[in-house]
Amino acid sequence: MGHRAKPGEGEPGAPVNSSARAPAWASSPAAHSPSSWASVPRAFRDTADALPPPWEAIFGPLRQGMVDNLVLVGQCGQSVDARIATSSGHSHYINGEAGLVHLHRLRSLVDAVVIGVGTAIADDPQLTVRRVEGPSPARVILDPNGRLPPTARVLVADGIRRVVITAAGSRTQLPAGVDVIPLAAHDGGLAPAAIISVLAGLGFRRMLIEGGANTVSRFLAARCLDRLHILVAPMILGDGRASLTLPPIDRVDEAIRTPMRAHTLDGTTGPTGDVLLDCDLGAHRVAIGRANIST
């Protein structure tokens, strides 16, 4: 607990970085283009070299955790006024193509993607990597009360591991091959730290808390995120559903203050206007444990 990970630790076979050796991509003119993504997922996992621009600035911080050997990143897409949907619930689509591509890039770099059952039912997502090159992560659904239907697309048997975490005593009807993990309920739900701990025990080290808004908010409030990627679309919705809902504070000096970088995201045909706010929450994250990685 509280162990500070060293570069490359927890990555079997990862070489030690050497400042004397230039990365293989450095001599390539295409390295500075978004088309340079093809080499990133493998380089991200298998080397300690800097990633080709612009990917090192955006995704390099996700390689190593600063608290333990876990890397926990949350994401949300929102309007300028921090809405994820109108008051009627309509949300397709707030973010543009570049925002969706960024989400798929995140998926391709993590071991597991986590969503709440509400999102699984409402959006019926696949949670696979389709818009960019890279592997699809394991799919994890938080379903305390056994609401997930067996026909949900996240449960499709496609060779990718599927995990459903439920509250102890809940009954589920899920397809064969789905790992069902019961956890003791906490305050009417599942404690984020307990969720991460059990997933680390399965060998997942980098995890994306993809949604929905309530799930991301709970992980943020529990101090169980290293980074938060907020994708801001160039629109103002007015009244609607908030992207984050956190417990109230009395004073401004009680607020979470986080170092933050802004990146403009490029679409397939040029700038879309979507802006990525990369929030560094490492100083606030609680120690949870270490991934059970076999060597």
C-alpha atoms as a PDB file:
ATOM      1  CA  MET A   1       0.000   0.000   0.000  1.00  0.00           C
ATOM      2  CA  GLY A   2       1.340   3.445  -0.875  1.00  0.00           C
ATOM      3  CA  HIS A   3       4.153   1.922  -2.982  1.00  0.00           C
ATOM      4  CA  ARG A   4       5.405   4.260  -5.690  1.00  0.00           C
ATOM      5  CA  ALA A   5       5.786   2.336  -8.921  1.00  0.00           C
ATOM      6  CA  LYS A   6       9.032   2.424 -10.860  1.00  0.00           C
ATOM      7  CA  PRO A   7       9.114   2.890 -14.650  1.00  0.00           C
ATOM      8  CA  GLY A   8       8.368  -0.400 -16.385  1.00  0.00           C
ATOM      9  CA  GLU A   9       7.367  -2.146 -13.132  1.00  0.00           C
ATOM     10  CA  GLY A  10       4.527  -4.611 -13.585  1.00  0.00           C
ATOM     11  CA  GLU A  11       5.154  -4.860 -17.342  1.00  0.00           C
ATOM     12  CA  PRO A  12       6.827  -8.227 -17.960  1.00  0.00           C
ATOM     13  CA  GLY A  13       9.745  -7.812 -20.331  1.00  0.00           C
ATOM     14  CA  ALA A  14       9.532  -3.999 -20.457  1.00  0.00           C
ATOM     15  CA  PRO A  15      13.024  -2.606 -21.155  1.00  0.00           C
ATOM     16  CA  VAL A  16      14.657   0.131 -19.140  1.00  0.00           C
ATOM     17  CA  ASN A  17      14.444   3.507 -20.856  1.00  0.00           C
ATOM     18  CA  SER A  18      17.691   4.852 -22.237  1.00  0.00           C
ATOM     19  CA  SER A  19      18.123   8.534 -23.027  1.00  0.00           C
ATOM     20  CA  ALA A  20      21.057   7.608 -25.257  1.00  0.00           C
ATOM     21  CA  ARG A  21      18.852   5.678 -27.693  1.00  0.00           C
ATOM     22  CA  ALA A  22      16.478   7.644 -29.909  1.00  0.00           C
ATOM     23  CA  PRO A  23      13.008   6.111 -30.323  1.00  0.00           C
ATOM     24  CA  ALA A  24      12.438   4.304 -33.613  1.00  0.00           C
ATOM     25  CA  TRP A  25       9.720   6.761 -34.651  1.00  0.00           C
ATOM     26  CA  ALA A  26      11.941   9.853 -34.280  1.00  0.00           C
ATOM     27  CA  SER A  27      13.226   9.838 -37.876  1.00  0.00           C
ATOM     28  CA  SER A  28       9.791   9.405 -39.433  1.00  0.00           C
ATOM     29  CA  PRO A  29       8.088  12.565 -40.815  1.00  0.00           C
ATOM     30  CA  ALA A  30       4.735  10.826 -40.291  1.00  0.00           C
ATOM     31  CA  ALA A  31       5.363  10.655 -36.557  1.00  0.00           C
ATOM     32  CA  HIS A  32       3.798  14.065 -36.029  1.00  0.00           C
ATOM     33  CA  SER A  33       0.555  13.083 -37.781  1.00  0.00           C
ATOM     34  CA  PRO A  34      -2.439  11.390 -36.128  1.00  0.00           C
ATOM     35  CA  SER A  35      -1.835   8.586 -38.636  1.00  0.00           C
ATOM     36  CA  SER A  36       1.178   7.638 -36.488  1.00  0.00           C
ATOM     37  CA  TRP A  37      -1.226   5.988 -34.054  1.00  0.00           C
ATOM     38  CA  ALA A  38      -0.769   2.482 -35.536  1.00  0.00           C
ATOM     39  CA  SER A  39       2.455   1.872 -33.590  1.00  0.00           C
ATOM     40  CA  VAL A  40       1.283   3.366 -30.300  1.00  0.00           C
ATOM     41  CA  PRO A  41      -0.623   0.548 -28.529  1.00  0.00           C
ATOM     42  CA  ARG A  42       2.300  -1.879 -28.784  1.00  0.00           C
ATOM     43  CA  ALA A  43       4.934   0.758 -27.965  1.00  0.00           C
ATOM     44  CA  PHE A  44       2.832   1.939 -25.017  1.00  0.00           C
ATOM     45  CA  ARG A  45       2.961  -1.522 -23.444  1.00  0.00           C
ATOM     46  CA  ASP A  46       6.234  -3.002 -24.646  1.00  0.00           C
ATOM     47  CA  THR A  47       8.765  -0.159 -24.472  1.00  0.00           C
ATOM     48  CA  ALA A  48       9.697   2.723 -22.212  1.00  0.00           C
ATOM     49  CA  ASP A  49      10.480   5.054 -25.129  1.00  0.00           C
ATOM     50  CA  ALA A  50       8.521   8.266 -25.552  1.00  0.00           C
ATOM     51  CA  LEU A  51       5.514   7.856 -27.825  1.00  0.00           C
ATOM     52  CA  PRO A  52       5.426   9.743 -31.142  1.00  0.00           C
ATOM     53  CA  PRO A  53       3.872  13.225 -31.009  1.00  0.00           C
ATOM     54  CA  PRO A  54       1.222  14.099 -30.103  1.00  0.00           C
ATOM     55  CA  TRP A  55       0.541  10.867 -28.209  1.00  0.00           C
ATOM     56  CA  GLU A  56       3.195  11.109 -25.491  1.00  0.00           C
ATOM     57  CA  ALA A  57       1.691  14.302 -24.084  1.00  0.00           C
ATOM     58  CA  ILE A  58      -1.817  12.829 -24.068  1.00  0.00           C
ATOM     59  CA  PHE A  59      -1.288   9.164 -23.189  1.00  0.00           C
ATOM     60  CA  GLY A  60       2.221   8.965 -21.747  1.00  0.00           C
ATOM     61  CA  PRO A  61       0.955   9.750 -18.218  1.00  0.00           C
ATOM     62  CA  LEU A  62      -1.181   6.591 -18.331  1.00  0.00           C
ATOM     63  CA  ARG A  63       1.800   4.260 -18.486  1.00  0.00           C
ATOM     64  CA  GLN A  64       2.706   4.279 -14.796  1.00  0.00           C
ATOM     65  CA  GLY A  65       0.761   4.971 -11.613  1.00  0.00           C
ATOM     66  CA  MET A  66       2.265   7.238  -8.981  1.00  0.00           C
ATOM     67  CA  VAL A  67       0.512   5.698  -5.959  1.00  0.00           C
ATOM     68  CA  ASP A  68       0.687   1.943  -6.556  1.00  0.00           C
ATOM     69  CA  ASN A  69       1.146  -0.006  -9.769  1.00  0.00           C
ATOM     70  CA  LEU A  70      -2.426   0.711 -10.928  1.00  0.00           C
ATOM     71  CA  VAL A  71      -3.499   3.391 -13.411  1.00  0.00           C
ATOM     72  CA  LEU A  72      -7.142   4.455 -13.095  1.00  0.00           C
ATOM     73  CA  VAL A  73      -8.548   6.910 -15.619  1.00  0.00           C
ATOM     74  CA  GLY A  74     -12.072   8.251 -15.838  1.00  0.00           C
ATOM     75  CA  GLN A  75     -13.620   9.922 -18.865  1.00  0.00           C
ATOM     76  CA  CYS A  76     -16.684  11.963 -19.678  1.00  0.00           C
ATOM     77  CA  GLY A  77     -17.920  13.846 -22.710  1.00  0.00           C
ATOM     78  CA  GLN A  78     -19.800  17.084 -22.113  1.00  0.00           C
ATOM     79  CA  SER A  79     -20.900  20.444 -23.446  1.00  0.00           C
ATOM     80  CA  VAL A  80     -19.184  23.719 -22.526  1.00  0.00           C
ATOM     81  CA  ASP A  81     -21.680  24.102 -19.676  1.00  0.00           C
ATOM     82  CA  ALA A  82     -20.857  20.612 -18.321  1.00  0.00           C
ATOM     83  CA  ARG A  83     -23.964  18.783 -19.577  1.00  0.00           C
ATOM     84  CA  ILE A  84     -23.982  15.204 -20.855  1.00  0.00           C
ATOM     85  CA  ALA A  85     -27.579  15.298 -22.076  1.00  0.00           C
ATOM     86  CA  THR A  86     -30.569  17.601 -22.387  1.00  0.00           C
ATOM     87  CA  SER A  87     -33.204  17.633 -19.659  1.00  0.00           C
ATOM     88  CA  SER A  88     -35.157  15.062 -21.727  1.00  0.00           C
ATOM     89  CA  GLY A  89     -32.138  12.740 -21.787  1.00  0.00           C
ATOM     90  CA  HIS A  90     -31.157  13.241 -25.442  1.00  0.00           C
ATOM     91  CA  SER A  91     -27.373  13.019 -25.886  1.00  0.00           C
ATOM     92  CA  HIS A  92     -26.571  11.677 -29.400  1.00  0.00           C
ATOM     93  CA  TYR A  93     -24.159  13.122 -30.015  1.00  0.00           C
ATOM     94  CA  ILE A  94     -22.588  15.862 -27.946  1.00  0.00           C
ATOM     95  CA  ASN A  95     -18.984  15.105 -28.824  1.00  0.00           C
ATOM     96  CA  GLY A  96     -17.781  14.890 -32.395  1.00  0.00           C
ATOM     97  CA  GLU A  97     -15.872  12.204 -34.258  1.00  0.00           C
ATOM     98  CA  ALA A  98     -12.567  13.231 -32.651  1.00  0.00           C
ATOM     99  CA  GLY A  99     -13.999  12.695 -29.189  1.00  0.00           C
ATOM    100  CA  LEU A 100     -15.224   9.221 -30.104  1.00  0.00           C
ATOM    101  CA  VAL A 101     -11.854   8.344 -31.616  1.00  0.00           C
ATOM    102  CA  HIS A 102     -10.131   9.501 -28.430  1.00  0.00           C
ATOM    103  CA  LEU A 103     -12.363   7.209 -26.390  1.00  0.00           C
ATOM    104  CA  HIS A 104     -11.434   4.238 -28.582  1.00  0.00           C
ATOM    105  CA  ARG A 105      -7.760   5.114 -28.194  1.00  0.00           C
ATOM    106  CA  LEU A 106      -8.194   5.062 -24.434  1.00  0.00           C
ATOM    107  CA  ARG A 107      -9.851   1.653 -24.648  1.00  0.00           C
ATOM    108  CA  SER A 108      -6.981   0.282 -26.720  1.00  0.00           C
ATOM    109  CA  LEU A 109      -4.436   1.219 -24.034  1.00  0.00           C
ATOM    110  CA  VAL A 110      -6.137  -0.193 -20.931  1.00  0.00           C
ATOM    111  CA  ASP A 111      -6.599  -3.724 -19.623  1.00  0.00           C
ATOM    112  CA  ALA A 112     -10.243  -3.286 -18.668  1.00  0.00           C
ATOM    113  CA  VAL A 113     -13.067  -0.830 -19.327  1.00  0.00           C
ATOM    114  CA  VAL A 114     -15.679  -0.359 -16.577  1.00  0.00           C
ATOM    115  CA  ILE A 115     -19.253   0.887 -16.919  1.00  0.00           C
ATOM    116  CA  GLY A 116     -22.323   0.934 -14.721  1.00  0.00           C
ATOM    117  CA  VAL A 117     -25.351  -1.195 -15.505  1.00  0.00           C
ATOM    118  CA  GLY A 118     -27.449   1.899 -16.243  1.00  0.00           C
ATOM    119  CA  THR A 119     -25.171   2.797 -19.139  1.00  0.00           C
ATOM    120  CA  ALA A 120     -25.087  -0.820 -20.313  1.00  0.00           C
ATOM    121  CA  ILE A 121     -28.891  -0.898 -20.491  1.00  0.00           C
ATOM    122  CA  ALA A 122     -29.512   2.615 -21.837  1.00  0.00           C
ATOM    123  CA  ASP A 123     -26.778   2.694 -24.517  1.00  0.00           C
ATOM    124  CA  ASP A 124     -26.173  -1.040 -25.093  1.00  0.00           C
ATOM    125  CA  PRO A 125     -22.507  -0.333 -25.990  1.00  0.00           C
ATOM    126  CA  GLN A 126     -20.050  -2.845 -27.397  1.00  0.00           C
ATOM    127  CA  LEU A 127     -17.025  -1.386 -25.527  1.00  0.00           C
ATOM    128  CA  THR A 128     -14.699  -2.667 -28.244  1.00  0.00           C
ATOM    129  CA  VAL A 129     -11.955  -0.869 -30.166  1.00  0.00           C
ATOM    130  CA  ARG A 130     -13.230  -0.191 -33.694  1.00  0.00           C
ATOM    131  CA  ARG A 131     -12.281   3.344 -34.722  1.00  0.00           C
ATOM    132  CA  VAL A 132      -8.503   2.933 -34.267  1.00  0.00           C
ATOM    133  CA  GLU A 133      -5.924   0.183 -34.308  1.00  0.00           C
ATOM    134  CA  GLY A 134      -5.328  -1.624 -31.024  1.00  0.00           C
ATOM    135  CA  PRO A 135      -6.640  -4.455 -28.837  1.00  0.00           C
ATOM    136  CA  SER A 136     -10.024  -4.414 -27.140  1.00  0.00           C
ATOM    137  CA  PRO A 137      -9.940  -4.478 -23.327  1.00  0.00           C
ATOM    138  CA  ALA A 138     -11.817  -6.740 -20.962  1.00  0.00           C
ATOM    139  CA  ARG A 139     -15.362  -5.500 -20.335  1.00  0.00           C
ATOM    140  CA  VAL A 140     -16.534  -4.955 -16.753  1.00  0.00           C
ATOM    141  CA  ILE A 141     -20.126  -4.120 -15.818  1.00  0.00           C
ATOM    142  CA  LEU A 142     -21.119  -2.969 -12.335  1.00  0.00           C
ATOM    143  CA  ASP A 143     -24.523  -4.514 -11.679  1.00  0.00           C
ATOM    144  CA  PRO A 144     -25.339  -4.540  -7.952  1.00  0.00           C
ATOM    145  CA  ASN A 145     -28.933  -5.750  -8.357  1.00  0.00           C
ATOM    146  CA  GLY A 146     -28.715  -8.182 -11.278  1.00  0.00           C
ATOM    147  CA  ARG A 147     -30.409  -5.939 -13.851  1.00  0.00           C
ATOM    148  CA  LEU A 148     -28.156  -6.648 -16.846  1.00  0.00           C
ATOM    149  CA  PRO A 149     -30.046  -8.602 -19.538  1.00  0.00           C
ATOM    150  CA  PRO A 150     -28.237 -11.639 -20.997  1.00  0.00           C
ATOM    151  CA  THR A 151     -28.701 -10.159 -24.483  1.00  0.00           C
ATOM    152  CA  ALA A 152     -26.613  -7.045 -23.752  1.00  0.00           C
ATOM    153  CA  ARG A 153     -23.926  -6.468 -26.388  1.00  0.00           C
ATOM    154  CA  VAL A 154     -21.211  -6.168 -23.737  1.00  0.00           C
ATOM    155  CA  LEU A 155     -21.771  -9.879 -23.016  1.00  0.00           C
ATOM    156  CA  VAL A 156     -21.235 -11.093 -26.588  1.00  0.00           C
ATOM    157  CA  ALA A 157     -18.770 -13.987 -26.685  1.00  0.00           C
ATOM    158  CA  ASP A 158     -16.033 -12.547 -28.905  1.00  0.00           C
ATOM    159  CA  GLY A 159     -12.952 -13.889 -27.148  1.00  0.00           C
ATOM    160  CA  ILE A 160     -12.628 -10.853 -24.847  1.00  0.00           C
ATOM    161  CA  ARG A 161     -13.022 -11.405 -21.113  1.00  0.00           C
ATOM    162  CA  ARG A 162     -16.363 -10.327 -19.658  1.00  0.00           C
ATOM    163  CA  VAL A 163     -16.798  -9.587 -15.954  1.00  0.00           C
ATOM    164  CA  VAL A 164     -19.957  -8.647 -14.071  1.00  0.00           C
ATOM    165  CA  ILE A 165     -19.600  -7.397 -10.497  1.00  0.00           C
ATOM    166  CA  THR A 166     -22.731  -7.748  -8.379  1.00  0.00           C
ATOM    167  CA  ALA A 167     -23.749  -7.197  -4.780  1.00  0.00           C
ATOM    168  CA  ALA A 168     -23.483 -10.346  -2.688  1.00  0.00           C
ATOM    169  CA  GLY A 169     -26.800 -12.204  -2.743  1.00  0.00           C
ATOM    170  CA  SER A 170     -27.998 -10.727  -6.057  1.00  0.00           C
ATOM    171  CA  ARG A 171     -29.306 -13.159  -8.668  1.00  0.00           C
ATOM    172  CA  THR A 172     -28.156 -12.932 -12.275  1.00  0.00           C
ATOM    173  CA  GLN A 173     -29.010 -14.685 -15.530  1.00  0.00           C
ATOM    174  CA  LEU A 174     -25.940 -14.329 -17.717  1.00  0.00           C
ATOM    175  CA  PRO A 175     -24.453 -16.288 -20.615  1.00  0.00           C
ATOM    176  CA  ALA A 176     -21.881 -18.997 -20.041  1.00  0.00           C
ATOM    177  CA  GLY A 177     -18.318 -17.776 -19.846  1.00  0.00           C
ATOM    178  CA  VAL A 178     -19.097 -14.519 -18.052  1.00  0.00           C
ATOM    179  CA  ASP A 179     -17.192 -14.093 -14.783  1.00  0.00           C
ATOM    180  CA  VAL A 180     -19.587 -13.080 -12.003  1.00  0.00           C
ATOM    181  CA  ILE A 181     -17.943 -11.575  -8.913  1.00  0.00           C
ATOM    182  CA  PRO A 182     -20.054 -10.777  -5.830  1.00  0.00           C
ATOM    183  CA  LEU A 183     -19.003  -7.959  -3.513  1.00  0.00           C
ATOM    184  CA  ALA A 184     -20.436  -6.842  -0.205  1.00  0.00           C
ATOM    185  CA  ALA A 185     -22.735  -3.842  -0.697  1.00  0.00           C
ATOM    186  CA  HIS A 186     -21.610  -0.514   0.740  1.00  0.00           C
ATOM    187  CA  ASP A 187     -24.069   2.368   1.302  1.00  0.00           C
ATOM    188  CA  GLY A 188     -26.501   0.768  -1.119  1.00  0.00           C
ATOM    189  CA  GLY A 189     -23.903   0.243  -3.840  1.00  0.00           C
ATOM    190  CA  LEU A 190     -20.466  -1.150  -4.579  1.00  0.00           C
ATOM    191  CA  ALA A 191     -17.458   0.658  -3.112  1.00  0.00           C
ATOM    192  CA  PRO A 192     -15.096   1.900  -5.861  1.00  0.00           C
ATOM    193  CA  ALA A 193     -11.959   0.857  -3.945  1.00  0.00           C
ATOM    194  CA  ALA A 194     -13.351  -2.661  -3.479  1.00  0.00           C
ATOM    195  CA  ILE A 195     -14.178  -2.854  -7.182  1.00  0.00           C
ATOM    196  CA  ILE A 196     -10.654  -1.817  -8.178  1.00  0.00           C
ATOM    197  CA  SER A 197      -9.106  -4.191  -5.658  1.00  0.00           C
ATOM    198  CA  VAL A 198     -10.943  -7.215  -7.038  1.00  0.00           C
ATOM    199  CA  LEU A 199     -10.136  -6.244 -10.632  1.00  0.00           C
ATOM    200  CA  ALA A 200      -6.463  -5.831  -9.734  1.00  0.00           C
ATOM    201  CA  GLY A 201      -6.644  -9.345  -8.328  1.00  0.00           C
ATOM    202  CA  LEU A 202      -7.730 -10.515 -11.790  1.00  0.00           C
ATOM    203  CA  GLY A 203      -4.550  -9.005 -13.254  1.00  0.00           C
ATOM    204  CA  PHE A 204      -5.952  -5.715 -14.600  1.00  0.00           C
ATOM    205  CA  ARG A 205      -3.522  -2.845 -14.021  1.00  0.00           C
ATOM    206  CA  ARG A 206      -4.754  -0.050 -16.270  1.00  0.00           C
ATOM    207  CA  MET A 207      -8.501   0.547 -16.068  1.00  0.00           C
ATOM    208  CA  LEU A 208     -10.824   2.999 -17.803  1.00  0.00           C
ATOM    209  CA  ILE A 209     -13.910   4.091 -15.863  1.00  0.00           C
ATOM    210  CA  GLU A 210     -15.931   5.007 -18.933  1.00  0.00           C
ATOM    211  CA  GLY A 211     -19.346   5.797 -17.539  1.00  0.00           C
ATOM    212  CA  GLY A 212     -21.963   6.707 -16.927  1.00  0.00           C
ATOM    213  CA  ALA A 213     -21.814  10.004 -15.128  1.00  0.00           C
ATOM    214  CA  ASN A 214     -22.900   8.547 -11.784  1.00  0.00           C
ATOM    215  CA  THR A 215     -20.231   5.833 -11.926  1.00  0.00           C
ATOM    216  CA  VAL A 216     -17.436   8.259 -12.829  1.00  0.00           C
ATOM    217  CA  SER A 217     -18.618  10.648 -10.109  1.00  0.00           C
ATOM    218  CA  ARG A 218     -18.536   7.907  -7.476  1.00  0.00           C
ATOM    219  CA  PHE A 219     -14.984   6.900  -8.392  1.00  0.00           C
ATOM    220  CA  LEU A 220     -13.889  10.542  -8.315  1.00  0.00           C
ATOM    221  CA  ALA A 221     -15.548  11.176  -4.944  1.00  0.00           C
ATOM    222  CA  ALA A 222     -13.907   8.021  -3.539  1.00  0.00           C
ATOM    223  CA  ARG A 223     -10.493   9.277  -4.730  1.00  0.00           C
ATOM    224  CA  CYS A 224     -10.098   6.264  -6.981  1.00  0.00           C
ATOM    225  CA  LEU A 225      -8.894   8.040 -10.144  1.00  0.00           C
ATOM    226  CA  ASP A 226      -5.365   8.955 -11.272  1.00  0.00           C
ATOM    227  CA  ARG A 227      -6.515  10.947 -14.299  1.00  0.00           C
ATOM    228  CA  LEU A 228      -9.792  12.344 -15.568  1.00  0.00           C
ATOM    229  CA  HIS A 229     -10.211  12.993 -19.295  1.00  0.00           C
ATOM    230  CA  ILE A 230     -13.001  15.501 -19.911  1.00  0.00           C
ATOM    231  CA  LEU A 231     -13.973  15.932 -23.569  1.00  0.00           C
ATOM    232  CA  VAL A 232     -15.588  19.330 -24.051  1.00  0.00           C
ATOM    233  CA  ALA A 233     -17.705  19.850 -27.161  1.00  0.00           C
ATOM    234  CA  PRO A 234     -18.269  23.330 -28.661  1.00  0.00           C
ATOM    235  CA  MET A 235     -21.924  23.609 -27.687  1.00  0.00           C
ATOM    236  CA  ILE A 236     -24.006  25.001 -24.825  1.00  0.00           C
ATOM    237  CA  LEU A 237     -27.056  22.943 -23.855  1.00  0.00           C
ATOM    238  CA  GLY A 238     -28.569  24.932 -21.018  1.00  0.00           C
ATOM    239  CA  ASP A 239     -30.555  22.943 -18.480  1.00  0.00           C
ATOM    240  CA  GLY A 240     -29.700  19.251 -18.594  1.00  0.00           C
ATOM    241  CA  ARG A 241     -27.898  16.365 -16.927  1.00  0.00           C
ATOM    242  CA  ALA A 242     -24.597  17.234 -15.285  1.00  0.00           C
ATOM    243  CA  SER A 243     -21.391  15.435 -16.210  1.00  0.00           C
ATOM    244  CA  LEU A 244     -20.235  15.109 -12.587  1.00  0.00           C
ATOM    245  CA  THR A 245     -22.262  15.038  -9.370  1.00  0.00           C
ATOM    246  CA  LEU A 246     -20.187  15.224  -6.187  1.00  0.00           C
ATOM    247  CA  PRO A 247     -20.897  15.769  -2.490  1.00  0.00           C
ATOM    248  CA  PRO A 248     -21.263  19.453  -1.584  1.00  0.00           C
ATOM    249  CA  ILE A 249     -18.483  21.436   0.085  1.00  0.00           C
ATOM    250  CA  ASP A 250     -18.794  24.534   2.261  1.00  0.00           C
ATOM    251  CA  ARG A 251     -15.678  26.407   1.233  1.00  0.00           C
ATOM    252  CA  VAL A 252     -13.762  26.917  -1.998  1.00  0.00           C
ATOM    253  CA  ASP A 253     -10.519  25.918  -0.277  1.00  0.00           C
ATOM    254  CA  GLU A 254     -12.019  22.431   0.210  1.00  0.00           C
ATOM    255  CA  ALA A 255     -12.217  21.920  -3.561  1.00  0.00           C
ATOM    256  CA  ILE A 256     -10.113  19.367  -5.423  1.00  0.00           C
ATOM    257  CA  ARG A 257      -7.380  21.322  -7.184  1.00  0.00           C
ATOM    258  CA  THR A 258      -5.785  19.447 -10.034  1.00  0.00           C
ATOM    259  CA  PRO A 259      -3.013  20.197 -12.538  1.00  0.00           C
ATOM    260  CA  MET A 260      -4.652  20.264 -15.955  1.00  0.00           C
ATOM    261  CA  ARG A 261      -3.586  20.316 -19.587  1.00  0.00           C
ATOM    262  CA  ALA A 262      -5.774  21.138 -22.570  1.00  0.00           C
ATOM    263  CA  HIS A 263      -5.401  19.398 -25.946  1.00  0.00           C
ATOM    264  CA  THR A 264      -7.296  20.227 -29.127  1.00  0.00           C
ATOM    265  CA  LEU A 265      -8.407  16.994 -30.792  1.00  0.00           C
ATOM    266  CA  ASP A 266      -8.257  16.612 -34.562  1.00  0.00           C
ATOM    267  CA  GLY A 267     -10.912  14.745 -36.487  1.00  0.00           C
ATOM    268  CA  THR A 268     -10.432  12.705 -39.617  1.00  0.00           C
ATOM    269  CA  THR A 269     -11.056  15.746 -41.815  1.00  0.00           C
ATOM    270  CA  GLY A 270      -9.633  18.500 -39.633  1.00  0.00           C
ATOM    271  CA  PRO A 271     -10.186  20.184 -36.266  1.00  0.00           C
ATOM    272  CA  THR A 272     -13.618  19.500 -34.805  1.00  0.00           C
ATOM    273  CA  GLY A 273     -13.467  21.911 -31.896  1.00  0.00           C
ATOM    274  CA  ASP A 274     -13.553  19.186 -29.220  1.00  0.00           C
ATOM    275  CA  VAL A 275     -11.066  19.951 -26.448  1.00  0.00           C
ATOM    276  CA  LEU A 276      -9.580  17.374 -24.082  1.00  0.00           C
ATOM    277  CA  LEU A 277      -9.000  18.497 -20.500  1.00  0.00           C
ATOM    278  CA  ASP A 278      -6.530  16.074 -18.917  1.00  0.00           C
ATOM    279  CA  CYS A 279      -6.816  16.381 -15.139  1.00  0.00           C
ATOM    280  CA  ASP A 280      -4.053  14.918 -12.978  1.00  0.00           C
ATOM    281  CA  LEU A 281      -5.655  13.538  -9.793  1.00  0.00           C
ATOM    282  CA  GLY A 282      -2.638  11.528  -8.637  1.00  0.00           C
ATOM    283  CA  ALA A 283      -2.078  13.674  -5.557  1.00  0.00           C
ATOM    284  CA  HIS A 284      -5.611  12.887  -4.366  1.00  0.00           C
ATOM    285  CA  ARG A 285      -5.788   9.174  -5.184  1.00  0.00           C
ATOM    286  CA  VAL A 286      -5.923   6.663  -2.345  1.00  0.00           C
ATOM    287  CA  ALA A 287      -3.623   3.627  -2.361  1.00  0.00           C
ATOM    288  CA  ILE A 288      -5.581   0.517  -3.305  1.00  0.00           C
ATOM    289  CA  GLY A 289      -3.135  -2.278  -4.073  1.00  0.00           C
ATOM    290  CA  ARG A 290      -1.234  -3.938  -6.849  1.00  0.00           C
ATOM    291  CA  ALA A 291      -2.346  -5.837  -9.924  1.00  0.00           C
ATOM    292  CA  ASN A 292      -1.789  -9.577  -9.735  1.00  0.00           C
ATOM    293  CA  ILE A 293       0.441  -9.794 -12.824  1.00  0.00           C
ATOM    294  CA  SER A 294       2.083 -13.154 -13.497  1.00  0.00           C
ATOM    295  CA  THR A 295       5.669 -13.249 -14.776  1.00  0.00           C
END
